[in-house]
N, C-alpha and C. Protein backbone atom coordinates (compact mmCIF):
# COMPACT_ATOMS: atom_id res chain seq x y z
N UNK A 1 -63.41 -20.09 14.48
CA UNK A 1 -63.32 -20.53 13.26
C UNK A 1 -62.98 -19.52 11.99
N UNK A 2 -63.81 -17.98 13.03
CA UNK A 2 -63.82 -16.93 11.85
C UNK A 2 -62.79 -16.18 11.04
N UNK A 3 -61.95 -16.91 12.47
CA UNK A 3 -60.44 -15.93 12.58
C UNK A 3 -59.50 -16.70 11.07
N UNK A 4 -59.63 -18.34 11.35
CA UNK A 4 -58.92 -19.21 10.54
C UNK A 4 -59.18 -18.79 9.23
N UNK A 5 -60.40 -18.72 8.86
CA UNK A 5 -60.90 -18.03 7.19
C UNK A 5 -60.34 -16.81 7.50
N UNK A 6 -59.91 -15.71 8.18
CA UNK A 6 -59.64 -14.09 7.83
C UNK A 6 -58.26 -14.82 7.54
N UNK A 7 -57.48 -15.52 8.64
CA UNK A 7 -55.45 -15.91 7.96
C UNK A 7 -55.67 -16.20 6.59
N UNK A 8 -56.90 -17.51 6.38
CA UNK A 8 -56.65 -18.03 4.63
C UNK A 8 -56.73 -17.04 3.61
N UNK A 9 -57.43 -16.09 3.45
CA UNK A 9 -58.05 -15.20 2.61
C UNK A 9 -56.33 -14.37 2.20
N UNK A 10 -56.04 -14.27 1.10
CA UNK A 10 -54.93 -13.42 0.24
C UNK A 10 -54.82 -12.27 0.82
N UNK A 11 -53.94 -11.71 0.59
CA UNK A 11 -53.65 -10.41 1.27
C UNK A 11 -52.89 -9.76 -0.13
N UNK A 12 -53.19 -8.79 -1.11
CA UNK A 12 -52.65 -7.94 -1.69
C UNK A 12 -51.60 -6.92 -1.59
N UNK A 13 -50.73 -7.17 -1.86
CA UNK A 13 -49.30 -6.34 -0.95
C UNK A 13 -48.88 -5.30 -2.52
N UNK A 14 -49.64 -5.89 -3.93
CA UNK A 14 -48.67 -5.50 -5.18
C UNK A 14 -48.83 -3.63 -5.49
N UNK A 15 -50.08 -3.13 -4.62
CA UNK A 15 -50.74 -2.00 -4.71
C UNK A 15 -49.54 -1.64 -3.53
N UNK A 16 -49.06 -1.64 -2.48
CA UNK A 16 -48.14 -1.34 -1.58
C UNK A 16 -46.80 -0.69 -2.20
N UNK A 17 -46.44 -2.19 -2.68
CA UNK A 17 -45.14 -1.65 -3.43
C UNK A 17 -44.97 -0.32 -4.52
N UNK A 18 -45.85 -0.41 -4.99
CA UNK A 18 -45.77 0.86 -6.25
C UNK A 18 -45.86 2.03 -5.55
N UNK A 19 -46.67 1.87 -4.06
CA UNK A 19 -46.36 3.50 -3.35
C UNK A 19 -45.57 3.84 -2.91
N UNK A 20 -44.82 2.75 -2.30
CA UNK A 20 -43.43 2.63 -1.93
C UNK A 20 -42.61 3.10 -2.42
N UNK A 21 -42.49 2.74 -3.94
CA UNK A 21 -41.47 3.10 -4.91
C UNK A 21 -41.63 4.53 -5.46
N UNK A 22 -42.58 5.09 -5.57
CA UNK A 22 -43.20 6.22 -6.15
C UNK A 22 -43.22 7.27 -5.37
N UNK A 23 -43.37 7.08 -3.98
CA UNK A 23 -43.30 8.00 -2.84
C UNK A 23 -42.45 8.50 -1.97
N UNK A 24 -41.52 7.56 -2.25
CA UNK A 24 -40.06 8.16 -1.35
C UNK A 24 -39.13 8.67 -2.48
N UNK A 25 -39.03 10.10 -1.81
CA UNK A 25 -37.93 10.87 -2.15
C UNK A 25 -36.72 11.19 -1.49
N UNK A 26 -35.51 11.08 -2.01
CA UNK A 26 -34.46 11.66 -0.81
C UNK A 26 -34.42 13.24 -1.05
N UNK A 27 -34.09 13.45 0.08
CA UNK A 27 -33.67 14.73 0.25
C UNK A 27 -32.04 14.40 1.05
N UNK A 28 -31.51 15.72 0.42
CA UNK A 28 -29.86 16.52 1.46
C UNK A 28 -28.91 15.67 0.67
N UNK A 29 -27.45 15.46 1.29
CA UNK A 29 -26.60 14.72 0.21
C UNK A 29 -26.76 13.88 -0.92
N UNK A 30 -26.70 13.63 -1.89
CA UNK A 30 -26.78 12.14 -2.50
C UNK A 30 -25.06 11.39 -2.17
N UNK A 31 -25.05 10.09 -2.02
CA UNK A 31 -23.86 9.27 -1.98
C UNK A 31 -23.65 8.87 -3.04
N UNK A 32 -21.92 8.63 -3.60
CA UNK A 32 -21.92 8.01 -4.59
C UNK A 32 -21.54 6.52 -4.05
N UNK A 33 -20.91 5.35 -4.84
CA UNK A 33 -20.16 4.50 -4.29
C UNK A 33 -18.96 4.68 -4.05
N UNK A 34 -17.83 5.32 -4.43
CA UNK A 34 -16.96 6.33 -3.88
C UNK A 34 -17.01 7.14 -2.73
N UNK A 35 -17.71 6.91 -1.79
CA UNK A 35 -17.41 8.39 -0.70
C UNK A 35 -15.83 9.46 -1.00
N UNK A 36 -15.09 8.47 -0.75
CA UNK A 36 -14.00 9.68 -0.32
C UNK A 36 -12.90 9.08 -1.62
N UNK A 37 -12.02 9.85 -2.39
CA UNK A 37 -11.57 9.75 -3.27
C UNK A 37 -10.12 10.68 -3.30
N UNK A 38 -9.01 10.11 -3.14
CA UNK A 38 -7.87 10.89 -2.89
C UNK A 38 -7.30 12.11 -3.89
N UNK A 39 -6.96 12.57 -4.09
CA UNK A 39 -6.39 13.89 -4.32
C UNK A 39 -5.68 13.29 -5.58
N UNK A 40 -4.88 12.34 -5.19
CA UNK A 40 -4.33 11.87 -6.46
C UNK A 40 -4.95 11.22 -7.46
N UNK A 41 -6.14 10.17 -6.90
CA UNK A 41 -7.11 10.06 -8.07
C UNK A 41 -7.55 10.71 -8.55
N UNK A 42 -8.08 11.48 -7.84
CA UNK A 42 -8.97 12.52 -8.40
C UNK A 42 -8.15 13.15 -9.89
N UNK A 43 -6.67 13.41 -9.56
CA UNK A 43 -6.29 14.03 -10.29
C UNK A 43 -5.60 13.16 -11.50
N UNK A 44 -5.41 11.73 -11.50
CA UNK A 44 -5.47 10.76 -12.35
C UNK A 44 -6.57 11.01 -13.10
N UNK A 45 -7.80 10.50 -13.17
CA UNK A 45 -9.20 10.62 -13.83
C UNK A 45 -9.10 11.56 -14.38
N UNK A 46 -8.64 13.37 -14.03
CA UNK A 46 -9.06 14.31 -14.45
C UNK A 46 -7.68 14.64 -15.54
N UNK A 47 -6.50 14.16 -15.34
CA UNK A 47 -5.24 14.51 -16.53
C UNK A 47 -5.34 13.06 -17.19
N UNK A 48 -5.86 12.28 -17.35
CA UNK A 48 -5.79 11.01 -17.95
C UNK A 48 -5.98 11.40 -19.73
N UNK A 49 -6.86 12.01 -20.27
CA UNK A 49 -7.29 12.52 -21.36
C UNK A 49 -8.62 11.69 -21.54
N UNK A 50 -9.09 11.00 -20.67
CA UNK A 50 -10.24 10.11 -20.91
C UNK A 50 -9.92 8.40 -20.71
N UNK A 51 -8.49 8.33 -20.59
CA UNK A 51 -8.35 6.88 -20.52
C UNK A 51 -8.78 6.27 -19.33
N UNK A 52 -8.82 7.08 -18.34
CA UNK A 52 -8.83 6.67 -16.91
C UNK A 52 -10.37 7.19 -16.52
N UNK A 53 -11.48 6.17 -16.15
CA UNK A 53 -12.64 6.82 -16.60
C UNK A 53 -13.54 6.27 -14.95
N UNK A 54 -12.60 5.82 -14.06
CA UNK A 54 -12.95 5.66 -12.60
C UNK A 54 -11.97 5.64 -11.44
N UNK A 55 -12.03 5.60 -10.18
CA UNK A 55 -11.17 5.03 -9.05
C UNK A 55 -10.71 4.24 -9.46
N UNK A 56 -11.45 2.93 -9.91
CA UNK A 56 -10.71 1.50 -9.88
C UNK A 56 -9.73 1.47 -10.79
N UNK A 57 -10.13 2.11 -11.89
CA UNK A 57 -8.56 2.32 -12.95
C UNK A 57 -7.57 2.96 -12.28
N UNK A 58 -8.28 4.18 -11.75
CA UNK A 58 -6.97 4.94 -11.57
C UNK A 58 -6.01 4.25 -10.35
N UNK A 59 -6.58 3.42 -9.55
CA UNK A 59 -5.67 2.66 -8.96
C UNK A 59 -4.92 1.81 -9.86
N UNK A 60 -5.17 1.27 -10.64
CA UNK A 60 -4.40 0.37 -11.20
C UNK A 60 -3.65 0.84 -11.73
N UNK A 61 -3.45 1.82 -12.40
CA UNK A 61 -2.79 2.51 -13.13
C UNK A 61 -1.51 3.52 -12.25
N UNK A 62 -1.89 3.66 -10.94
CA UNK A 62 -1.21 4.05 -9.47
C UNK A 62 -0.13 2.70 -9.36
N UNK A 63 -0.85 2.11 -9.23
CA UNK A 63 0.07 0.88 -9.38
C UNK A 63 0.77 0.29 -9.63
N UNK A 64 0.38 0.43 -11.30
CA UNK A 64 1.48 0.07 -12.55
C UNK A 64 2.51 1.04 -12.78
N UNK A 65 2.19 2.36 -12.20
CA UNK A 65 3.39 3.18 -12.00
C UNK A 65 4.32 3.26 -10.92
N UNK A 66 3.74 2.78 -9.99
CA UNK A 66 4.80 2.38 -8.96
C UNK A 66 5.34 1.37 -9.19
N UNK A 67 4.91 0.34 -9.54
CA UNK A 67 5.83 -0.78 -9.92
C UNK A 67 7.06 -0.77 -11.02
N UNK A 68 6.79 -0.10 -11.77
CA UNK A 68 7.56 0.25 -13.09
C UNK A 68 8.51 1.20 -12.15
N UNK A 69 8.31 2.16 -11.61
CA UNK A 69 9.36 3.18 -11.10
C UNK A 69 10.36 2.04 -10.32
N UNK A 70 9.79 1.57 -9.46
CA UNK A 70 10.73 0.29 -8.68
C UNK A 70 11.80 -0.30 -9.54
N UNK A 71 11.49 -0.68 -10.48
CA UNK A 71 11.80 -1.61 -11.56
C UNK A 71 13.28 -0.81 -12.30
N UNK A 72 12.65 0.66 -12.35
CA UNK A 72 13.63 1.12 -13.34
C UNK A 72 15.02 1.80 -11.89
N UNK A 73 14.24 1.80 -10.88
CA UNK A 73 15.43 2.34 -9.66
C UNK A 73 16.32 1.43 -9.46
N UNK A 74 15.84 0.06 -9.64
CA UNK A 74 16.41 -1.13 -9.60
C UNK A 74 17.50 -1.80 -10.77
N UNK A 75 16.97 -1.05 -11.50
CA UNK A 75 17.91 -1.13 -12.75
C UNK A 75 19.26 -0.77 -12.59
N UNK A 76 18.61 0.49 -12.46
CA UNK A 76 19.93 1.74 -12.78
C UNK A 76 20.56 1.78 -11.29
N UNK A 77 20.42 1.11 -10.29
CA UNK A 77 21.14 0.94 -9.07
C UNK A 77 22.31 -0.37 -9.25
N UNK A 78 21.18 -1.44 -9.74
CA UNK A 78 22.48 -2.67 -9.51
C UNK A 78 22.76 -3.05 -10.99
N UNK A 79 22.01 -2.29 -12.06
CA UNK A 79 22.86 -2.58 -13.48
C UNK A 79 23.51 -1.73 -14.19
N UNK A 80 23.96 -0.72 -13.22
CA UNK A 80 24.90 0.32 -13.99
C UNK A 80 26.23 -0.33 -14.42
N UNK A 81 26.97 0.43 -15.16
CA UNK A 81 28.69 -0.51 -15.11
C UNK A 81 29.12 0.53 -13.88
N UNK A 82 30.31 0.00 -13.64
CA UNK A 82 30.86 -0.06 -12.17
C UNK A 82 31.83 1.49 -12.66
N UNK A 83 32.59 1.92 -11.93
CA UNK A 83 33.55 3.24 -12.45
C UNK A 83 34.81 2.64 -12.42
N UNK A 84 34.92 3.05 -13.80
CA UNK A 84 36.95 2.79 -13.93
C UNK A 84 37.62 4.04 -14.01
N UNK A 85 38.95 3.71 -12.85
CA UNK A 85 39.47 5.05 -12.81
C UNK A 85 40.52 5.03 -13.02
N UNK A 86 41.13 5.41 -14.24
CA UNK A 86 41.97 5.12 -15.35
C UNK A 86 43.17 6.47 -14.96
N UNK A 87 44.40 6.28 -14.65
CA UNK A 87 45.43 7.00 -15.00
C UNK A 87 46.49 7.26 -15.91
N UNK A 88 46.69 8.64 -16.09
CA UNK A 88 47.47 9.23 -17.56
C UNK A 88 48.89 8.07 -17.42
N UNK A 89 49.15 8.07 -18.71
CA UNK A 89 50.65 7.46 -19.10
C UNK A 89 51.35 7.63 -17.95
N UNK A 90 52.57 7.10 -17.11
CA UNK A 90 53.20 7.24 -16.67
C UNK A 90 53.08 7.78 -15.03
N UNK A 91 51.70 7.61 -14.98
CA UNK A 91 51.70 7.86 -13.06
C UNK A 91 50.93 7.03 -13.11
N UNK A 92 50.91 6.55 -11.37
CA UNK A 92 49.96 5.67 -10.78
C UNK A 92 49.02 5.50 -9.86
N UNK A 93 47.47 5.34 -9.63
CA UNK A 93 46.78 5.50 -8.84
C UNK A 93 46.87 4.15 -7.86
N UNK A 94 47.17 5.27 -6.40
CA UNK A 94 47.36 4.62 -4.99
C UNK A 94 45.74 4.28 -4.24
N UNK A 95 45.59 3.42 -3.49
CA UNK A 95 44.89 2.74 -2.84
C UNK A 95 44.64 2.86 -1.48
N UNK A 96 45.24 3.91 -0.61
CA UNK A 96 45.57 3.81 0.87
C UNK A 96 44.17 3.66 1.79
N UNK A 97 44.12 2.93 2.75
CA UNK A 97 43.04 2.40 4.05
C UNK A 97 42.14 3.69 3.71
N UNK A 98 41.25 3.49 4.05
CA UNK A 98 40.21 4.49 4.46
C UNK A 98 40.32 5.80 3.75
N UNK A 99 40.52 6.23 2.42
CA UNK A 99 40.44 7.52 1.71
C UNK A 99 40.25 7.06 0.24
N UNK A 100 40.47 8.16 -0.17
CA UNK A 100 39.70 7.18 -1.37
C UNK A 100 41.04 7.85 -2.16
N UNK A 101 40.65 7.03 -3.63
CA UNK A 101 42.00 6.53 -4.66
C UNK A 101 42.69 8.13 -4.85
N UNK A 102 44.07 8.34 -5.29
CA UNK A 102 44.42 9.06 -5.86
C UNK A 102 45.59 8.80 -6.87
N UNK A 103 45.95 10.12 -7.31
CA UNK A 103 47.01 9.73 -8.19
C UNK A 103 48.74 9.60 -7.01
N UNK A 104 49.32 9.14 -7.59
CA UNK A 104 50.63 9.18 -6.63
C UNK A 104 51.66 10.30 -7.45
N UNK A 105 52.00 11.18 -6.32
CA UNK A 105 52.67 12.10 -6.74
C UNK A 105 54.03 11.72 -7.56
N UNK A 106 54.36 12.10 -8.51
CA UNK A 106 55.41 12.16 -9.43
C UNK A 106 57.09 12.25 -8.90
N UNK A 107 57.76 11.18 -8.88
CA UNK A 107 58.94 11.72 -8.27
C UNK A 107 60.13 12.61 -8.85
N UNK A 108 60.83 13.50 -8.36
CA UNK A 108 61.59 14.59 -8.95
C UNK A 108 62.96 14.24 -8.61
C-alpha cells in the first residue's frame, strides 16, 4: 500500500528543466544550418551587393541565370537569320555536291 501512495505523489520536474537549459554549454565547432556551401553560392552571396542574403536565394538566382542563358542560346541558335549568298552582277553561284558553294569562273 505504501508503494501505491508514493507513486501517486506528484513529482516536480520544473526545476530540473531550468538546470538543463542553463547548465549545458557546447564546446568545439558550432554547426550552421547550411553545413556545406559550394564556392559559386558563396561567390554569389559575396558579390551580390546585399541582394542575395542566404544560400537558398543564391540557388534560386543561379537557377534563374541558367534558364535565362539557355533561352538566349536557343533564340540565337534557332531564331537567327539564314545567311544568304549573293553574287556580283554577271556572276553565278554554283552548288557542287559535297562542296561549299562558289562562284562560277567567268568564261573568256
